[in-house]
Amino acid sequence: MTKDKRRKFTAEFKAQIVLEVISGAKSFTEACRQYQVSEQTLSRWKQEFVEHAAVVFESTTQQVQENERVAELERMIGKPTVELEIAKKASSIWHSLQNSSESLR
């Protein structure tokens, strides 16, 4: 049985390194050496980062639309819920008034 000796990196870690290289804070080789990552791996991360950069802006628009839809659905659910609570309270008051008027007879 062999153990998987591959290291696993978080998305935040990958983004940090790629941003350091893209911004010029570190050279490509310097980043590879400092973080002990192969040039091939960092090159692949950088390529993926650049290819998916547009998703950041798309998700913001999509997220706003989803939030608006959730708010609309909550309003739709909330109104009948409030109406039901009012009806329950009115029914409770009505029954207590009926019971008190019957006891007065």
PDB file of N, CA and C in Angstrom:
ATOM      1  N   MET A   1       0.850  -1.171   0.000  1.00  0.00           N
ATOM      2  CA  MET A   1       0.000   0.000   0.000  1.00  0.00           C
ATOM      3  C   MET A   1       0.898   1.238   0.000  1.00  0.00           C
ATOM      4  N   THR A   2       0.687   2.122  -0.965  1.00  0.00           N
ATOM      5  CA  THR A   2       1.489   3.338  -1.051  1.00  0.00           C
ATOM      6  C   THR A   2       0.688   4.527  -0.566  1.00  0.00           C
ATOM      7  N   LYS A   3       1.383   5.417   0.101  1.00  0.00           N
ATOM      8  CA  LYS A   3       0.726   6.631   0.583  1.00  0.00           C
ATOM      9  C   LYS A   3       0.898   7.724  -0.455  1.00  0.00           C
ATOM     10  N   ASP A   4      -0.126   8.549  -0.591  1.00  0.00           N
ATOM     11  CA  ASP A   4      -0.073   9.691  -1.504  1.00  0.00           C
ATOM     12  C   ASP A   4       0.761  10.787  -0.856  1.00  0.00           C
ATOM     13  N   LYS A   5       1.927  11.080  -1.421  1.00  0.00           N
ATOM     14  CA  LYS A   5       2.828  12.063  -0.837  1.00  0.00           C
ATOM     15  C   LYS A   5       2.662  13.447  -1.455  1.00  0.00           C
ATOM     16  N   ARG A   6       1.642  13.630  -2.261  1.00  0.00           N
ATOM     17  CA  ARG A   6       1.415  14.927  -2.886  1.00  0.00           C
ATOM     18  C   ARG A   6       0.927  15.924  -1.851  1.00  0.00           C
ATOM     19  N   ARG A   7       1.453  17.122  -1.951  1.00  0.00           N
ATOM     20  CA  ARG A   7       0.986  18.185  -1.066  1.00  0.00           C
ATOM     21  C   ARG A   7      -0.297  18.769  -1.640  1.00  0.00           C
ATOM     22  N   LYS A   8      -1.138  19.239  -0.758  1.00  0.00           N
ATOM     23  CA  LYS A   8      -2.387  19.870  -1.193  1.00  0.00           C
ATOM     24  C   LYS A   8      -2.360  21.317  -0.751  1.00  0.00           C
ATOM     25  N   PHE A   9      -2.715  22.208  -1.667  1.00  0.00           N
ATOM     26  CA  PHE A   9      -2.683  23.635  -1.405  1.00  0.00           C
ATOM     27  C   PHE A   9      -4.093  24.197  -1.454  1.00  0.00           C
ATOM     28  N   THR A  10      -4.365  25.154  -0.584  1.00  0.00           N
ATOM     29  CA  THR A  10      -5.682  25.788  -0.583  1.00  0.00           C
ATOM     30  C   THR A  10      -5.771  26.765  -1.757  1.00  0.00           C
ATOM     31  N   ALA A  11      -6.980  27.093  -2.120  1.00  0.00           N
ATOM     32  CA  ALA A  11      -7.197  28.067  -3.196  1.00  0.00           C
ATOM     33  C   ALA A  11      -6.626  29.421  -2.810  1.00  0.00           C
ATOM     34  N   GLU A  12      -6.744  29.785  -1.539  1.00  0.00           N
ATOM     35  CA  GLU A  12      -6.208  31.071  -1.068  1.00  0.00           C
ATOM     36  C   GLU A  12      -4.692  31.129  -1.222  1.00  0.00           C
ATOM     37  N   PHE A  13      -4.027  30.023  -0.903  1.00  0.00           N
ATOM     38  CA  PHE A  13      -2.573  29.956  -1.016  1.00  0.00           C
ATOM     39  C   PHE A  13      -2.147  30.103  -2.474  1.00  0.00           C
ATOM     40  N   LYS A  14      -2.826  29.379  -3.353  1.00  0.00           N
ATOM     41  CA  LYS A  14      -2.502  29.458  -4.782  1.00  0.00           C
ATOM     42  C   LYS A  14      -2.706  30.876  -5.299  1.00  0.00           C
ATOM     43  N   ALA A  15      -3.813  31.490  -4.936  1.00  0.00           N
ATOM     44  CA  ALA A  15      -4.111  32.850  -5.396  1.00  0.00           C
ATOM     45  C   ALA A  15      -3.069  33.831  -4.886  1.00  0.00           C
ATOM     46  N   GLN A  16      -2.655  33.674  -3.653  1.00  0.00           N
ATOM     47  CA  GLN A  16      -1.648  34.571  -3.075  1.00  0.00           C
ATOM     48  C   GLN A  16      -0.351  34.509  -3.876  1.00  0.00           C
ATOM     49  N   ILE A  17       0.106  33.307  -4.179  1.00  0.00           N
ATOM     50  CA  ILE A  17       1.363  33.154  -4.916  1.00  0.00           C
ATOM     51  C   ILE A  17       1.237  33.723  -6.322  1.00  0.00           C
ATOM     52  N   VAL A  18       0.151  33.388  -7.002  1.00  0.00           N
ATOM     53  CA  VAL A  18      -0.048  33.878  -8.367  1.00  0.00           C
ATOM     54  C   VAL A  18      -0.118  35.402  -8.380  1.00  0.00           C
ATOM     55  N   LEU A  19      -0.816  35.988  -7.433  1.00  0.00           N
ATOM     56  CA  LEU A  19      -0.908  37.451  -7.372  1.00  0.00           C
ATOM     57  C   LEU A  19       0.453  38.089  -7.114  1.00  0.00           C
ATOM     58  N   GLU A  20       1.276  37.456  -6.290  1.00  0.00           N
ATOM     59  CA  GLU A  20       2.625  37.968  -6.051  1.00  0.00           C
ATOM     60  C   GLU A  20       3.441  37.975  -7.339  1.00  0.00           C
ATOM     61  N   VAL A  21       3.282  36.938  -8.147  1.00  0.00           N
ATOM     62  CA  VAL A  21       4.015  36.847  -9.411  1.00  0.00           C
ATOM     63  C   VAL A  21       3.462  37.853 -10.419  1.00  0.00           C
ATOM     64  N   ILE A  22       2.142  37.914 -10.552  1.00  0.00           N
ATOM     65  CA  ILE A  22       1.526  38.819 -11.529  1.00  0.00           C
ATOM     66  C   ILE A  22       1.801  40.283 -11.186  1.00  0.00           C
ATOM     67  N   SER A  23       1.732  40.613  -9.900  1.00  0.00           N
ATOM     68  CA  SER A  23       1.943  42.003  -9.496  1.00  0.00           C
ATOM     69  C   SER A  23       3.410  42.417  -9.555  1.00  0.00           C
ATOM     70  N   GLY A  24       4.299  41.448  -9.655  1.00  0.00           N
ATOM     71  CA  GLY A  24       5.725  41.759  -9.719  1.00  0.00           C
ATOM     72  C   GLY A  24       6.386  41.811  -8.356  1.00  0.00           C
ATOM     73  N   ALA A  25       5.651  41.486  -7.303  1.00  0.00           N
ATOM     74  CA  ALA A  25       6.227  41.473  -5.956  1.00  0.00           C
ATOM     75  C   ALA A  25       7.334  40.423  -5.856  1.00  0.00           C
ATOM     76  N   LYS A  26       7.162  39.335  -6.606  1.00  0.00           N
ATOM     77  CA  LYS A  26       8.178  38.281  -6.651  1.00  0.00           C
ATOM     78  C   LYS A  26       8.325  37.820  -8.092  1.00  0.00           C
ATOM     79  N   SER A  27       9.528  37.409  -8.416  1.00  0.00           N
ATOM     80  CA  SER A  27       9.730  36.832  -9.750  1.00  0.00           C
ATOM     81  C   SER A  27       9.169  35.417  -9.732  1.00  0.00           C
ATOM     82  N   PHE A  28       8.950  34.880 -10.901  1.00  0.00           N
ATOM     83  CA  PHE A  28       8.405  33.541 -11.043  1.00  0.00           C
ATOM     84  C   PHE A  28       9.309  32.536 -10.328  1.00  0.00           C
ATOM     85  N   THR A  29      10.585  32.600 -10.611  1.00  0.00           N
ATOM     86  CA  THR A  29      11.555  31.672 -10.026  1.00  0.00           C
ATOM     87  C   THR A  29      11.655  31.854  -8.516  1.00  0.00           C
ATOM     88  N   GLU A  30      11.652  33.094  -8.079  1.00  0.00           N
ATOM     89  CA  GLU A  30      11.735  33.405  -6.654  1.00  0.00           C
ATOM     90  C   GLU A  30      10.542  32.810  -5.900  1.00  0.00           C
ATOM     91  N   ALA A  31       9.352  32.939  -6.458  1.00  0.00           N
ATOM     92  CA  ALA A  31       8.147  32.389  -5.823  1.00  0.00           C
ATOM     93  C   ALA A  31       8.223  30.863  -5.759  1.00  0.00           C
ATOM     94  N   CYS A  32       8.684  30.252  -6.841  1.00  0.00           N
ATOM     95  CA  CYS A  32       8.819  28.791  -6.851  1.00  0.00           C
ATOM     96  C   CYS A  32       9.771  28.328  -5.760  1.00  0.00           C
ATOM     97  N   ARG A  33      10.891  29.007  -5.635  1.00  0.00           N
ATOM     98  CA  ARG A  33      11.890  28.645  -4.632  1.00  0.00           C
ATOM     99  C   ARG A  33      11.355  28.858  -3.216  1.00  0.00           C
ATOM    100  N   GLN A  34      10.774  30.024  -2.976  1.00  0.00           N
ATOM    101  CA  GLN A  34      10.313  30.364  -1.628  1.00  0.00           C
ATOM    102  C   GLN A  34       9.210  29.431  -1.148  1.00  0.00           C
ATOM    103  N   TYR A  35       8.262  29.110  -2.022  1.00  0.00           N
ATOM    104  CA  TYR A  35       7.117  28.294  -1.620  1.00  0.00           C
ATOM    105  C   TYR A  35       7.299  26.814  -1.942  1.00  0.00           C
ATOM    106  N   GLN A  36       8.478  26.463  -2.477  1.00  0.00           N
ATOM    107  CA  GLN A  36       8.807  25.082  -2.828  1.00  0.00           C
ATOM    108  C   GLN A  36       7.749  24.449  -3.725  1.00  0.00           C
ATOM    109  N   VAL A  37       7.483  25.164  -4.808  1.00  0.00           N
ATOM    110  CA  VAL A  37       6.516  24.727  -5.806  1.00  0.00           C
ATOM    111  C   VAL A  37       7.253  24.649  -7.144  1.00  0.00           C
ATOM    112  N   SER A  38       6.958  23.620  -7.914  1.00  0.00           N
ATOM    113  CA  SER A  38       7.640  23.480  -9.198  1.00  0.00           C
ATOM    114  C   SER A  38       7.172  24.570 -10.169  1.00  0.00           C
ATOM    115  N   GLU A  39       8.014  24.892 -11.116  1.00  0.00           N
ATOM    116  CA  GLU A  39       7.662  25.909 -12.117  1.00  0.00           C
ATOM    117  C   GLU A  39       6.460  25.474 -12.928  1.00  0.00           C
ATOM    118  N   GLN A  40       6.379  24.190 -13.214  1.00  0.00           N
ATOM    119  CA  GLN A  40       5.237  23.665 -13.968  1.00  0.00           C
ATOM    120  C   GLN A  40       3.936  23.867 -13.187  1.00  0.00           C
ATOM    121  N   THR A  41       3.973  23.609 -11.902  1.00  0.00           N
ATOM    122  CA  THR A  41       2.780  23.769 -11.062  1.00  0.00           C
ATOM    123  C   THR A  41       2.353  25.230 -10.995  1.00  0.00           C
ATOM    124  N   LEU A  42       3.308  26.118 -10.737  1.00  0.00           N
ATOM    125  CA  LEU A  42       2.982  27.540 -10.646  1.00  0.00           C
ATOM    126  C   LEU A  42       2.488  28.067 -11.988  1.00  0.00           C
ATOM    127  N   SER A  43       3.074  27.584 -13.060  1.00  0.00           N
ATOM    128  CA  SER A  43       2.631  27.994 -14.396  1.00  0.00           C
ATOM    129  C   SER A  43       1.180  27.585 -14.622  1.00  0.00           C
ATOM    130  N   ARG A  44       0.833  26.367 -14.194  1.00  0.00           N
ATOM    131  CA  ARG A  44      -0.550  25.886 -14.346  1.00  0.00           C
ATOM    132  C   ARG A  44      -1.507  26.715 -13.497  1.00  0.00           C
ATOM    133  N   TRP A  45      -1.109  27.053 -12.253  1.00  0.00           N
ATOM    134  CA  TRP A  45      -1.946  27.885 -11.381  1.00  0.00           C
ATOM    135  C   TRP A  45      -2.183  29.256 -11.998  1.00  0.00           C
ATOM    136  N   LYS A  46      -1.115  29.816 -12.539  1.00  0.00           N
ATOM    137  CA  LYS A  46      -1.216  31.147 -13.149  1.00  0.00           C
ATOM    138  C   LYS A  46      -2.154  31.106 -14.353  1.00  0.00           C
ATOM    139  N   GLN A  47      -2.025  30.079 -15.176  1.00  0.00           N
ATOM    140  CA  GLN A  47      -2.885  29.939 -16.347  1.00  0.00           C
ATOM    141  C   GLN A  47      -4.349  29.801 -15.931  1.00  0.00           C
ATOM    142  N   GLU A  48      -4.619  28.973 -14.936  1.00  0.00           N
ATOM    143  CA  GLU A  48      -5.989  28.791 -14.442  1.00  0.00           C
ATOM    144  C   GLU A  48      -6.534  30.100 -13.868  1.00  0.00           C
ATOM    145  N   PHE A  49      -5.693  30.819 -13.154  1.00  0.00           N
ATOM    146  CA  PHE A  49      -6.081  32.088 -12.556  1.00  0.00           C
ATOM    147  C   PHE A  49      -6.517  33.080 -13.630  1.00  0.00           C
ATOM    148  N   VAL A  50      -5.708  33.209 -14.654  1.00  0.00           N
ATOM    149  CA  VAL A  50      -6.007  34.151 -15.732  1.00  0.00           C
ATOM    150  C   VAL A  50      -7.250  33.719 -16.503  1.00  0.00           C
ATOM    151  N   GLU A  51      -7.387  32.431 -16.777  1.00  0.00           N
ATOM    152  CA  GLU A  51      -8.549  31.930 -17.522  1.00  0.00           C
ATOM    153  C   GLU A  51      -9.860  32.151 -16.780  1.00  0.00           C
ATOM    154  N   HIS A  52      -9.813  32.088 -15.456  1.00  0.00           N
ATOM    155  CA  HIS A  52     -11.033  32.195 -14.669  1.00  0.00           C
ATOM    156  C   HIS A  52     -11.230  33.567 -14.032  1.00  0.00           C
ATOM    157  N   ALA A  53     -10.442  34.524 -14.398  1.00  0.00           N
ATOM    158  CA  ALA A  53     -10.543  35.866 -13.813  1.00  0.00           C
ATOM    159  C   ALA A  53     -11.912  36.504 -14.076  1.00  0.00           C
ATOM    160  N   ALA A  54     -12.482  36.269 -15.242  1.00  0.00           N
ATOM    161  CA  ALA A  54     -13.778  36.867 -15.583  1.00  0.00           C
ATOM    162  C   ALA A  54     -14.901  36.351 -14.694  1.00  0.00           C
ATOM    163  N   VAL A  55     -14.743  35.175 -14.136  1.00  0.00           N
ATOM    164  CA  VAL A  55     -15.776  34.580 -13.285  1.00  0.00           C
ATOM    165  C   VAL A  55     -16.036  35.449 -12.057  1.00  0.00           C
ATOM    166  N   VAL A  56     -15.022  36.141 -11.589  1.00  0.00           N
ATOM    167  CA  VAL A  56     -15.176  37.005 -10.419  1.00  0.00           C
ATOM    168  C   VAL A  56     -16.252  38.042 -10.666  1.00  0.00           C
ATOM    169  N   PHE A  57     -16.263  38.626 -11.830  1.00  0.00           N
ATOM    170  CA  PHE A  57     -17.241  39.658 -12.144  1.00  0.00           C
ATOM    171  C   PHE A  57     -18.598  39.076 -12.481  1.00  0.00           C
ATOM    172  N   GLU A  58     -18.619  37.910 -13.094  1.00  0.00           N
ATOM    173  CA  GLU A  58     -19.888  37.262 -13.418  1.00  0.00           C
ATOM    174  C   GLU A  58     -20.607  36.831 -12.150  1.00  0.00           C
ATOM    175  N   SER A  59     -19.874  36.285 -11.216  1.00  0.00           N
ATOM    176  CA  SER A  59     -20.516  35.774 -10.012  1.00  0.00           C
ATOM    177  C   SER A  59     -21.128  36.900  -9.195  1.00  0.00           C
ATOM    178  N   THR A  60     -20.546  38.089  -9.247  1.00  0.00           N
ATOM    179  CA  THR A  60     -21.109  39.211  -8.512  1.00  0.00           C
ATOM    180  C   THR A  60     -22.495  39.546  -9.054  1.00  0.00           C
ATOM    181  N   THR A  61     -22.620  39.630 -10.359  1.00  0.00           N
ATOM    182  CA  THR A  61     -23.907  39.912 -10.986  1.00  0.00           C
ATOM    183  C   THR A  61     -24.885  38.788 -10.697  1.00  0.00           C
ATOM    184  N   GLN A  62     -24.438  37.565 -10.832  1.00  0.00           N
ATOM    185  CA  GLN A  62     -25.292  36.411 -10.593  1.00  0.00           C
ATOM    186  C   GLN A  62     -25.704  36.366  -9.119  1.00  0.00           C
ATOM    187  N   GLN A  63     -24.782  36.683  -8.234  1.00  0.00           N
ATOM    188  CA  GLN A  63     -25.083  36.653  -6.814  1.00  0.00           C
ATOM    189  C   GLN A  63     -26.130  37.707  -6.452  1.00  0.00           C
ATOM    190  N   VAL A  64     -26.042  38.881  -7.068  1.00  0.00           N
ATOM    191  CA  VAL A  64     -27.028  39.933  -6.820  1.00  0.00           C
ATOM    192  C   VAL A  64     -28.402  39.464  -7.276  1.00  0.00           C
ATOM    193  N   GLN A  65     -28.459  38.837  -8.450  1.00  0.00           N
ATOM    194  CA  GLN A  65     -29.729  38.332  -8.967  1.00  0.00           C
ATOM    195  C   GLN A  65     -30.304  37.251  -8.048  1.00  0.00           C
ATOM    196  N   GLU A  66     -29.435  36.362  -7.571  1.00  0.00           N
ATOM    197  CA  GLU A  66     -29.897  35.305  -6.671  1.00  0.00           C
ATOM    198  C   GLU A  66     -30.409  35.895  -5.357  1.00  0.00           C
ATOM    199  N   ASN A  67     -29.709  36.905  -4.829  1.00  0.00           N
ATOM    200  CA  ASN A  67     -30.145  37.547  -3.586  1.00  0.00           C
ATOM    201  C   ASN A  67     -31.494  38.231  -3.761  1.00  0.00           C
ATOM    202  N   GLU A  68     -31.700  38.868  -4.919  1.00  0.00           N
ATOM    203  CA  GLU A  68     -32.986  39.506  -5.195  1.00  0.00           C
ATOM    204  C   GLU A  68     -34.099  38.464  -5.263  1.00  0.00           C
ATOM    205  N   ARG A  69     -33.820  37.337  -5.887  1.00  0.00           N
ATOM    206  CA  ARG A  69     -34.807  36.267  -6.017  1.00  0.00           C
ATOM    207  C   ARG A  69     -35.152  35.689  -4.636  1.00  0.00           C
ATOM    208  N   VAL A  70     -34.142  35.503  -3.799  1.00  0.00           N
ATOM    209  CA  VAL A  70     -34.375  34.995  -2.447  1.00  0.00           C
ATOM    210  C   VAL A  70     -35.239  35.972  -1.657  1.00  0.00           C
ATOM    211  N   ALA A  71     -34.943  37.257  -1.770  1.00  0.00           N
ATOM    212  CA  ALA A  71     -35.731  38.269  -1.070  1.00  0.00           C
ATOM    213  C   ALA A  71     -37.181  38.247  -1.547  1.00  0.00           C
ATOM    214  N   GLU A  72     -37.371  38.097  -2.852  1.00  0.00           N
ATOM    215  CA  GLU A  72     -38.722  38.032  -3.410  1.00  0.00           C
ATOM    216  C   GLU A  72     -39.473  36.810  -2.877  1.00  0.00           C
ATOM    217  N   LEU A  73     -38.800  35.664  -2.854  1.00  0.00           N
ATOM    218  CA  LEU A  73     -39.435  34.445  -2.351  1.00  0.00           C
ATOM    219  C   LEU A  73     -39.744  34.560  -0.864  1.00  0.00           C
ATOM    220  N   GLU A  74     -38.855  35.201  -0.112  1.00  0.00           N
ATOM    221  CA  GLU A  74     -39.115  35.398   1.313  1.00  0.00           C
ATOM    222  C   GLU A  74     -40.332  36.293   1.528  1.00  0.00           C
ATOM    223  N   ARG A  75     -40.475  37.318   0.685  1.00  0.00           N
ATOM    224  CA  ARG A  75     -41.662  38.181   0.779  1.00  0.00           C
ATOM    225  C   ARG A  75     -42.916  37.385   0.455  1.00  0.00           C
ATOM    226  N   MET A  76     -42.829  36.533  -0.580  1.00  0.00           N
ATOM    227  CA  MET A  76     -43.987  35.737  -0.970  1.00  0.00           C
ATOM    228  C   MET A  76     -44.396  34.773   0.142  1.00  0.00           C
ATOM    229  N   ILE A  77     -43.421  34.192   0.812  1.00  0.00           N
ATOM    230  CA  ILE A  77     -43.713  33.262   1.902  1.00  0.00           C
ATOM    231  C   ILE A  77     -44.140  34.024   3.146  1.00  0.00           C
ATOM    232  N   GLY A  78     -43.518  35.150   3.381  1.00  0.00           N
ATOM    233  CA  GLY A  78     -43.787  35.933   4.581  1.00  0.00           C
ATOM    234  C   GLY A  78     -45.198  36.467   4.661  1.00  0.00           C
ATOM    235  N   LYS A  79     -45.741  36.929   3.539  1.00  0.00           N
ATOM    236  CA  LYS A  79     -47.079  37.524   3.546  1.00  0.00           C
ATOM    237  C   LYS A  79     -48.140  36.519   3.994  1.00  0.00           C
ATOM    238  N   PRO A  80     -48.196  35.309   3.398  1.00  0.00           N
ATOM    239  CA  PRO A  80     -49.199  34.345   3.888  1.00  0.00           C
ATOM    240  C   PRO A  80     -48.954  33.939   5.339  1.00  0.00           C
ATOM    241  N   THR A  81     -47.700  33.901   5.749  1.00  0.00           N
ATOM    242  CA  THR A  81     -47.396  33.535   7.129  1.00  0.00           C
ATOM    243  C   THR A  81     -47.950  34.578   8.090  1.00  0.00           C
ATOM    244  N   VAL A  82     -47.749  35.840   7.760  1.00  0.00           N
ATOM    245  CA  VAL A  82     -48.278  36.923   8.593  1.00  0.00           C
ATOM    246  C   VAL A  82     -49.799  36.877   8.597  1.00  0.00           C
ATOM    247  N   GLU A  83     -50.390  36.663   7.426  1.00  0.00           N
ATOM    248  CA  GLU A  83     -51.845  36.587   7.344  1.00  0.00           C
ATOM    249  C   GLU A  83     -52.380  35.430   8.180  1.00  0.00           C
ATOM    250  N   LEU A  84     -51.677  34.307   8.163  1.00  0.00           N
ATOM    251  CA  LEU A  84     -52.092  33.147   8.948  1.00  0.00           C
ATOM    252  C   LEU A  84     -52.016  33.450  10.445  1.00  0.00           C
ATOM    253  N   GLU A  85     -50.951  34.105  10.861  1.00  0.00           N
ATOM    254  CA  GLU A  85     -50.811  34.473  12.274  1.00  0.00           C
ATOM    255  C   GLU A  85     -51.927  35.420  12.702  1.00  0.00           C
ATOM    256  N   ILE A  86     -52.271  36.379  11.857  1.00  0.00           N
ATOM    257  CA  ILE A  86     -53.359  37.315  12.161  1.00  0.00           C
ATOM    258  C   ILE A  86     -54.679  36.563  12.263  1.00  0.00           C
ATOM    259  N   ALA A  87     -54.890  35.639  11.333  1.00  0.00           N
ATOM    260  CA  ALA A  87     -56.129  34.852  11.356  1.00  0.00           C
ATOM    261  C   ALA A  87     -56.215  33.998  12.624  1.00  0.00           C
ATOM    262  N   LYS A  88     -55.090  33.421  13.045  1.00  0.00           N
ATOM    263  CA  LYS A  88     -55.081  32.620  14.272  1.00  0.00           C
ATOM    264  C   LYS A  88     -55.420  33.479  15.487  1.00  0.00           C
ATOM    265  N   LYS A  89     -54.817  34.660  15.554  1.00  0.00           N
ATOM    266  CA  LYS A  89     -55.091  35.556  16.682  1.00  0.00           C
ATOM    267  C   LYS A  89     -56.544  36.006  16.675  1.00  0.00           C
ATOM    268  N   ALA A  90     -57.072  36.339  15.482  1.00  0.00           N
ATOM    269  CA  ALA A  90     -58.469  36.766  15.370  1.00  0.00           C
ATOM    270  C   ALA A  90     -59.397  35.633  15.777  1.00  0.00           C
ATOM    271  N   SER A  91     -59.069  34.432  15.352  1.00  0.00           N
ATOM    272  CA  SER A  91     -59.880  33.270  15.707  1.00  0.00           C
ATOM    273  C   SER A  91     -59.851  33.047  17.207  1.00  0.00           C
ATOM    274  N   SER A  92     -58.684  33.182  17.792  1.00  0.00           N
ATOM    275  CA  SER A  92     -58.539  33.018  19.241  1.00  0.00           C
ATOM    276  C   SER A  92     -59.375  34.064  19.978  1.00  0.00           C
ATOM    277  N   ILE A  93     -59.316  35.292  19.517  1.00  0.00           N
ATOM    278  CA  ILE A  93     -60.105  36.369  20.142  1.00  0.00           C
ATOM    279  C   ILE A  93     -61.591  36.095  19.957  1.00  0.00           C
ATOM    280  N   TRP A  94     -61.973  35.669  18.782  1.00  0.00           N
ATOM    281  CA  TRP A  94     -63.367  35.390  18.480  1.00  0.00           C
ATOM    282  C   TRP A  94     -63.899  34.286  19.390  1.00  0.00           C
ATOM    283  N   HIS A  95     -63.111  33.215  19.533  1.00  0.00           N
ATOM    284  CA  HIS A  95     -63.542  32.110  20.390  1.00  0.00           C
ATOM    285  C   HIS A  95     -63.623  32.544  21.850  1.00  0.00           C
ATOM    286  N   SER A  96     -62.676  33.341  22.309  1.00  0.00           N
ATOM    287  CA  SER A  96     -62.731  33.799  23.705  1.00  0.00           C
ATOM    288  C   SER A  96     -63.932  34.722  23.917  1.00  0.00           C
ATOM    289  N   LEU A  97     -64.261  35.554  22.915  1.00  0.00           N
ATOM    290  CA  LEU A  97     -65.449  36.413  23.024  1.00  0.00           C
ATOM    291  C   LEU A  97     -66.725  35.581  23.044  1.00  0.00           C
ATOM    292  N   GLN A  98     -66.775  34.531  22.223  1.00  0.00           N
ATOM    293  CA  GLN A  98     -67.945  33.659  22.194  1.00  0.00           C
ATOM    294  C   GLN A  98     -68.105  32.937  23.520  1.00  0.00           C
ATOM    295  N   ASN A  99     -67.004  32.449  24.055  1.00  0.00           N
ATOM    296  CA  ASN A  99     -67.052  31.731  25.335  1.00  0.00           C
ATOM    297  C   ASN A  99     -67.488  32.661  26.465  1.00  0.00           C
ATOM    298  N   SER A 100     -66.995  33.888  26.447  1.00  0.00           N
ATOM    299  CA  SER A 100     -67.372  34.824  27.521  1.00  0.00           C
ATOM    300  C   SER A 100     -68.831  35.263  27.380  1.00  0.00           C
ATOM    301  N   SER A 101     -69.330  35.389  26.152  1.00  0.00           N
ATOM    302  CA  SER A 101     -70.726  35.788  25.971  1.00  0.00           C
ATOM    303  C   SER A 101     -71.656  34.626  26.340  1.00  0.00           C
ATOM    304  N   GLU A 102     -71.238  33.385  26.136  1.00  0.00           N
ATOM    305  CA  GLU A 102     -72.032  32.226  26.508  1.00  0.00           C
ATOM    306  C   GLU A 102     -72.097  32.087  28.019  1.00  0.00           C
ATOM    307  N   SER A 103     -70.978  32.423  28.668  1.00  0.00           N
ATOM    308  CA  SER A 103     -70.965  32.310  30.130  1.00  0.00           C
ATOM    309  C   SER A 103     -71.820  33.401  30.788  1.00  0.00           C
ATOM    310  N   LEU A 104     -72.030  34.520  30.082  1.00  0.00           N
ATOM    311  CA  LEU A 104     -72.866  35.580  30.604  1.00  0.00           C
ATOM    312  C   LEU A 104     -74.346  35.231  30.521  1.00  0.00           C
ATOM    313  N   ARG A 105     -74.707  34.326  29.684  1.00  0.00           N
ATOM    314  CA  ARG A 105     -76.118  33.973  29.493  1.00  0.00           C
ATOM    315  C   ARG A 105     -76.683  33.227  30.626  1.00  0.00           C
TER     316      ARG A 105
END
